[in-house]
Each structure stands twice: as structure tokens, then as C-alpha cells.
Amino acid sequence: MTLSPVADTALLARLSREAIPTGTYFRTRTPSGTLPLTPQQQRTNYEALATVSSRPQTAPDHDLTPIRCLTIRPPWSDLIAFVDDQVAKRIENRVWSTRWRGTLLIHAGSEVDMQALALAAVRETLDDDYELVRGSVVAVADLVGVHADDGECTRWSQQGCFHFELARVQRLTTPIGARGAQRLWKPTPKLLRRIGDANPHLRGRLADANAGVGA
């Protein structure tokens, strides 16, 4: 499938706002409201996503700060915050890439991905009475690598996306409320202090990361 430059740019702009950018989350707008896509429309969107995301889409790195933050919609953020690597989500799917590596705060967005809650893998992992965390930093991880779509490297991987590889995930015992932002964003010193004060087990790790220890 070949996209025009205009369509290509428009698709990238739309995908940049999608936490889980698949055709199933696009909708057809009509005068009577928003309708689900047909299977053919979903396939077309999926092919467009695969075409665009297969090209180098390197996000600006700006200055290489030692700690960054990534906003992810629940329940995906909750799945990343799980300590058990056997069931936790250790791949984050994005349509853009980055050269940045280091200590990454996982921020749960305020908007819940309701369709994700219906997925079998999510239902199997989250208890029925599990309470999603919203609008807060929920975990600290290391972004150790990014690779292009290579198939389902984990059950949480998505085709047509860059796979952000997460390691050394530690959950916050006390989530810290914060506003999110797009792409990788820089947490303020005040936010880092609040995280450390409420989660003493993470204070040393954040201090070391800020000082560049182990970089």
C-alpha cells in the first residue's frame, strides 16, 4: 500500500496520539455519530500503520536528561508496574523510536483504554476487582532497548510498532499524582522528590540516575 505525503503526515499525526495505535481504535465518523470500522477498513488502517512505522521515526531527544517519563493509558501502565516478569508487560508499543536510554518513570494516564479491558490477555492477568491507577506515576523502569517489529517477541508485543524494551521494573508502593505529556517527557525535580519521599525504596535509585551513576 502506498500513501501520499499528505495522508502519510496525517496518519503519523493521528498515531502519535494513540497509546495503542491499531486499526481497531480508529473510527468512521458519520452525521449520526462515530461507528466502528468494517474489517476491510481495519485491515487498510493496519497496512497503513505497518507501512509508516517501518520507516525510521526517531523522536527528538533534545538534551539527554538522566531520567525521563512515559505516559501510558491504563490498564497497560498497570501491567507494566507488575513485579512478576512472567506475567508483566515488558514491551511498550509505539509508532516512534528514540535513541534515549536510561531510567524511565511509568506514568498512568487519566484516560482508560476501555477496549483493552476486554482483551483475553488483560482479563487473565488482572483480577476482577483490580482497581486501575490513573493520573499517577506508578513504576520506575530502565529503557534498555528499542527494536522494530520482529513479530510477537512477547505476548504483549504489537505488529507494526517499535517495541520499547523495559527492565528492572519497580512498582511505587505509593503512586504519585502528576500530569502526563506526549512522547518522552522530563519529570521536574519536585516530582522526583515527591516520589522519593513517598517511596523510600526508590530514593537511592533515582538519586543514582540523576547523578549519572551507572550511565
Protein backbone atom coordinates (compact mmCIF):
# COMPACT_ATOMS: atom_id res chain seq x y z
CA MET A 1 0.00 0.00 0.00
CA THR A 2 1.33 3.45 -0.96
CA LEU A 3 0.40 6.56 1.00
CA SER A 4 0.52 10.09 -0.34
CA PRO A 5 2.78 12.53 1.59
CA VAL A 6 -0.32 14.31 2.89
CA ALA A 7 -2.00 11.10 4.05
CA ASP A 8 1.29 9.87 5.48
CA THR A 9 1.71 13.01 7.57
CA ALA A 10 -1.91 12.96 8.73
CA LEU A 11 -1.66 9.31 9.75
CA LEU A 12 1.54 9.90 11.72
CA ALA A 13 -0.04 12.88 13.47
CA ARG A 14 -3.01 10.75 14.47
CA LEU A 15 -0.94 7.77 15.51
CA SER A 16 1.27 9.95 17.71
CA ARG A 17 -1.76 10.47 19.94
CA GLU A 18 -2.63 6.78 20.12
CA ALA A 19 -1.19 4.78 23.01
CA ILE A 20 -2.10 1.54 21.22
CA PRO A 21 -2.19 2.57 17.55
CA THR A 22 -4.10 -0.18 15.78
CA GLY A 23 -6.88 -0.06 13.24
CA THR A 24 -9.40 -1.28 15.81
CA TYR A 25 -9.13 2.07 17.62
CA PHE A 26 -9.81 4.18 14.54
CA ARG A 27 -13.42 5.09 13.92
CA THR A 28 -15.54 6.17 10.97
CA ARG A 29 -17.29 9.47 11.64
CA THR A 30 -20.79 9.96 10.24
CA PRO A 31 -23.51 12.60 10.79
CA SER A 32 -25.18 10.22 13.23
CA GLY A 33 -22.03 9.68 15.28
CA THR A 34 -18.94 7.51 15.39
CA LEU A 35 -19.18 3.97 14.03
CA PRO A 36 -16.77 1.03 14.25
CA LEU A 37 -14.71 0.28 11.17
CA THR A 38 -15.50 -2.60 8.89
CA PRO A 39 -12.98 -5.48 8.80
CA GLN A 40 -11.71 -4.19 5.44
CA GLN A 41 -11.22 -0.67 6.83
CA GLN A 42 -9.39 -2.12 9.80
CA ARG A 43 -7.06 -4.06 7.51
CA THR A 44 -6.42 -0.91 5.46
CA ASN A 45 -5.52 1.06 8.58
CA TYR A 46 -3.32 -1.76 9.82
CA GLU A 47 -1.44 -1.87 6.50
CA ALA A 48 -1.02 1.91 6.61
CA LEU A 49 0.34 1.71 10.16
CA ALA A 50 2.80 -1.02 9.20
CA THR A 51 3.98 1.00 6.19
CA VAL A 52 4.55 4.18 8.16
CA SER A 53 6.03 2.62 11.29
CA SER A 54 8.54 0.57 9.27
CA ARG A 55 10.35 3.78 8.35
CA PRO A 56 12.75 5.50 10.75
CA GLN A 57 10.62 7.68 13.02
CA THR A 58 13.13 8.88 15.56
CA ALA A 59 11.67 11.18 18.18
CA PRO A 60 13.69 14.28 19.07
CA ASP A 61 15.93 13.52 22.02
CA HIS A 62 16.65 17.16 22.96
CA ASP A 63 19.13 17.19 25.81
CA LEU A 64 19.92 13.76 27.19
CA THR A 65 18.46 14.08 30.67
CA PRO A 66 19.19 11.18 33.02
CA ILE A 67 15.53 10.44 33.85
CA ARG A 68 12.53 10.58 31.56
CA CYS A 69 8.86 9.69 31.87
CA LEU A 70 6.39 7.98 29.53
CA THR A 71 2.62 8.34 29.83
CA ILE A 72 0.73 5.13 29.14
CA ARG A 73 -3.01 4.53 29.36
CA PRO A 74 -4.32 2.11 31.99
CA PRO A 75 -4.54 -0.87 32.08
CA TRP A 76 -1.26 -1.04 30.12
CA SER A 77 0.53 1.06 32.74
CA ASP A 78 -0.72 -1.26 35.50
CA LEU A 79 0.51 -4.31 33.57
CA ILE A 80 3.97 -2.78 33.28
CA ALA A 81 4.03 -1.99 37.00
CA PHE A 82 3.60 -5.67 37.90
CA VAL A 83 6.74 -7.04 39.55
CA ASP A 84 6.39 -10.61 38.25
CA ASP A 85 8.23 -10.66 34.92
CA GLN A 86 6.39 -13.82 33.91
CA VAL A 87 3.05 -12.05 33.61
CA ALA A 88 4.01 -8.37 33.46
CA LYS A 89 4.19 -6.29 30.29
CA ARG A 90 7.85 -5.64 29.49
CA ILE A 91 7.34 -4.31 25.96
CA GLU A 92 5.72 -0.95 25.26
CA ASN A 93 4.43 -0.49 21.69
CA ARG A 94 4.99 2.85 19.97
CA VAL A 95 4.92 4.14 16.38
CA TRP A 96 8.05 6.20 17.01
CA SER A 97 11.56 5.35 18.15
CA THR A 98 14.22 7.08 20.26
CA ARG A 99 17.95 6.87 20.86
CA TRP A 100 17.47 7.71 24.52
CA ARG A 101 18.19 5.00 27.12
CA GLY A 102 18.03 5.19 30.89
CA THR A 103 15.78 5.36 33.93
CA LEU A 104 12.18 5.71 32.86
CA LEU A 105 9.20 6.62 35.03
CA ILE A 106 5.96 4.89 34.03
CA HIS A 107 3.08 7.35 34.26
CA ALA A 108 -0.51 6.14 34.12
CA GLY A 109 -2.64 8.46 32.02
CA SER A 110 -6.01 9.71 33.17
CA GLU A 111 -7.87 8.06 30.28
CA VAL A 112 -8.51 4.31 30.49
CA ASP A 113 -8.24 2.15 27.38
CA MET A 114 -11.65 0.53 27.80
CA GLN A 115 -11.23 -1.77 24.80
CA ALA A 116 -8.05 -3.19 26.30
CA LEU A 117 -10.01 -4.32 29.35
CA ALA A 118 -11.94 -6.72 27.12
CA LEU A 119 -8.82 -8.45 25.77
CA ALA A 120 -8.32 -12.01 26.95
CA ALA A 121 -4.69 -11.49 27.96
CA VAL A 122 -5.64 -8.49 30.09
CA ARG A 123 -8.58 -10.25 31.73
CA GLU A 124 -6.37 -13.23 32.56
CA THR A 125 -3.77 -11.00 34.21
CA LEU A 126 -5.90 -8.51 36.14
CA ASP A 127 -8.21 -9.69 38.92
CA ASP A 128 -11.87 -8.83 38.53
CA ASP A 129 -11.67 -6.45 41.48
CA TYR A 130 -8.39 -4.85 40.40
CA GLU A 131 -8.53 -1.05 40.75
CA LEU A 132 -6.74 0.78 37.96
CA VAL A 133 -4.37 3.62 38.87
CA ARG A 134 -4.92 6.80 36.88
CA GLY A 135 -3.10 10.10 36.55
CA SER A 136 -0.07 8.99 38.58
CA VAL A 137 3.49 7.72 38.32
CA VAL A 138 3.19 4.00 39.10
CA ALA A 139 6.62 2.47 38.44
CA VAL A 140 10.29 3.03 37.67
CA ALA A 141 11.98 1.05 34.89
CA ASP A 142 15.00 1.08 32.63
CA LEU A 143 14.52 1.60 28.91
CA VAL A 144 17.26 -0.74 27.71
CA GLY A 145 16.49 -1.01 24.01
CA VAL A 146 14.14 -0.33 21.13
CA HIS A 147 13.66 -2.61 18.15
CA ALA A 148 11.42 -2.54 15.11
CA ASP A 149 8.58 -5.02 14.74
CA ASP A 150 10.08 -8.51 14.69
CA GLY A 151 6.90 -10.44 15.26
CA GLU A 152 5.44 -11.25 18.65
CA CYS A 153 8.60 -11.16 20.79
CA THR A 154 6.28 -11.26 23.81
CA ARG A 155 2.54 -11.77 24.16
CA TRP A 156 2.22 -8.01 24.75
CA SER A 157 4.04 -7.05 21.53
CA GLN A 158 2.13 -5.48 18.68
CA GLN A 159 2.87 -5.76 14.99
CA GLY A 160 3.72 -2.62 13.05
CA CYS A 161 5.18 -0.86 16.10
CA PHE A 162 8.55 -0.20 17.64
CA HIS A 163 9.00 -2.33 20.75
CA PHE A 164 10.41 -0.47 23.76
CA GLU A 165 12.26 -2.98 25.95
CA LEU A 166 11.76 -2.43 29.71
CA ALA A 167 13.84 -3.94 32.52
CA ARG A 168 14.38 -3.57 36.30
CA VAL A 169 10.77 -2.52 36.84
CA GLN A 170 9.95 -1.45 40.40
CA ARG A 171 6.44 -0.55 41.46
CA LEU A 172 5.71 2.52 43.54
CA THR A 173 4.09 1.47 46.80
CA THR A 174 2.52 4.93 46.82
CA PRO A 175 1.63 6.23 43.33
CA ILE A 176 2.33 9.93 42.87
CA GLY A 177 -0.17 12.09 41.03
CA ALA A 178 1.16 14.00 38.04
CA ARG A 179 0.07 15.38 34.70
CA GLY A 180 1.30 13.47 31.68
CA ALA A 181 2.61 14.55 28.31
CA GLN A 182 3.29 13.10 24.88
CA ARG A 183 6.42 11.16 23.97
CA LEU A 184 9.29 11.05 26.47
CA TRP A 185 8.98 13.93 28.90
CA LYS A 186 11.22 15.27 31.65
CA PRO A 187 9.96 14.98 35.25
CA THR A 188 10.52 18.02 37.41
CA PRO A 189 12.86 17.90 40.44
CA LYS A 190 9.78 18.44 42.62
CA LEU A 191 8.09 15.34 41.17
CA LEU A 192 11.22 13.26 41.72
CA ARG A 193 11.41 14.45 45.35
CA ARG A 194 7.76 13.56 45.91
CA ILE A 195 8.34 10.07 44.52
CA GLY A 196 11.39 9.53 46.72
CA ASP A 197 9.71 10.90 49.86
CA ALA A 198 6.67 8.64 49.45
CA ASN A 199 8.68 5.63 48.21
CA PRO A 200 11.94 5.42 50.18
CA HIS A 201 12.92 2.17 48.46
CA LEU A 202 13.32 4.13 45.21
CA ARG A 203 15.17 7.14 46.60
CA GLY A 204 18.64 5.71 46.04
CA ARG A 205 17.87 4.56 42.52
CA LEU A 206 16.53 7.96 41.47
CA ALA A 207 19.47 9.76 43.08
CA ASP A 208 21.95 7.50 41.30
CA ALA A 209 20.17 8.01 37.98
CA ASN A 210 20.19 11.78 38.41
CA ALA A 211 23.88 11.69 39.20
CA GLY A 212 24.61 9.56 36.19
CA VAL A 213 25.76 6.57 38.22
CA GLY A 214 25.96 3.50 36.01
CA ALA A 215 25.38 5.52 32.85
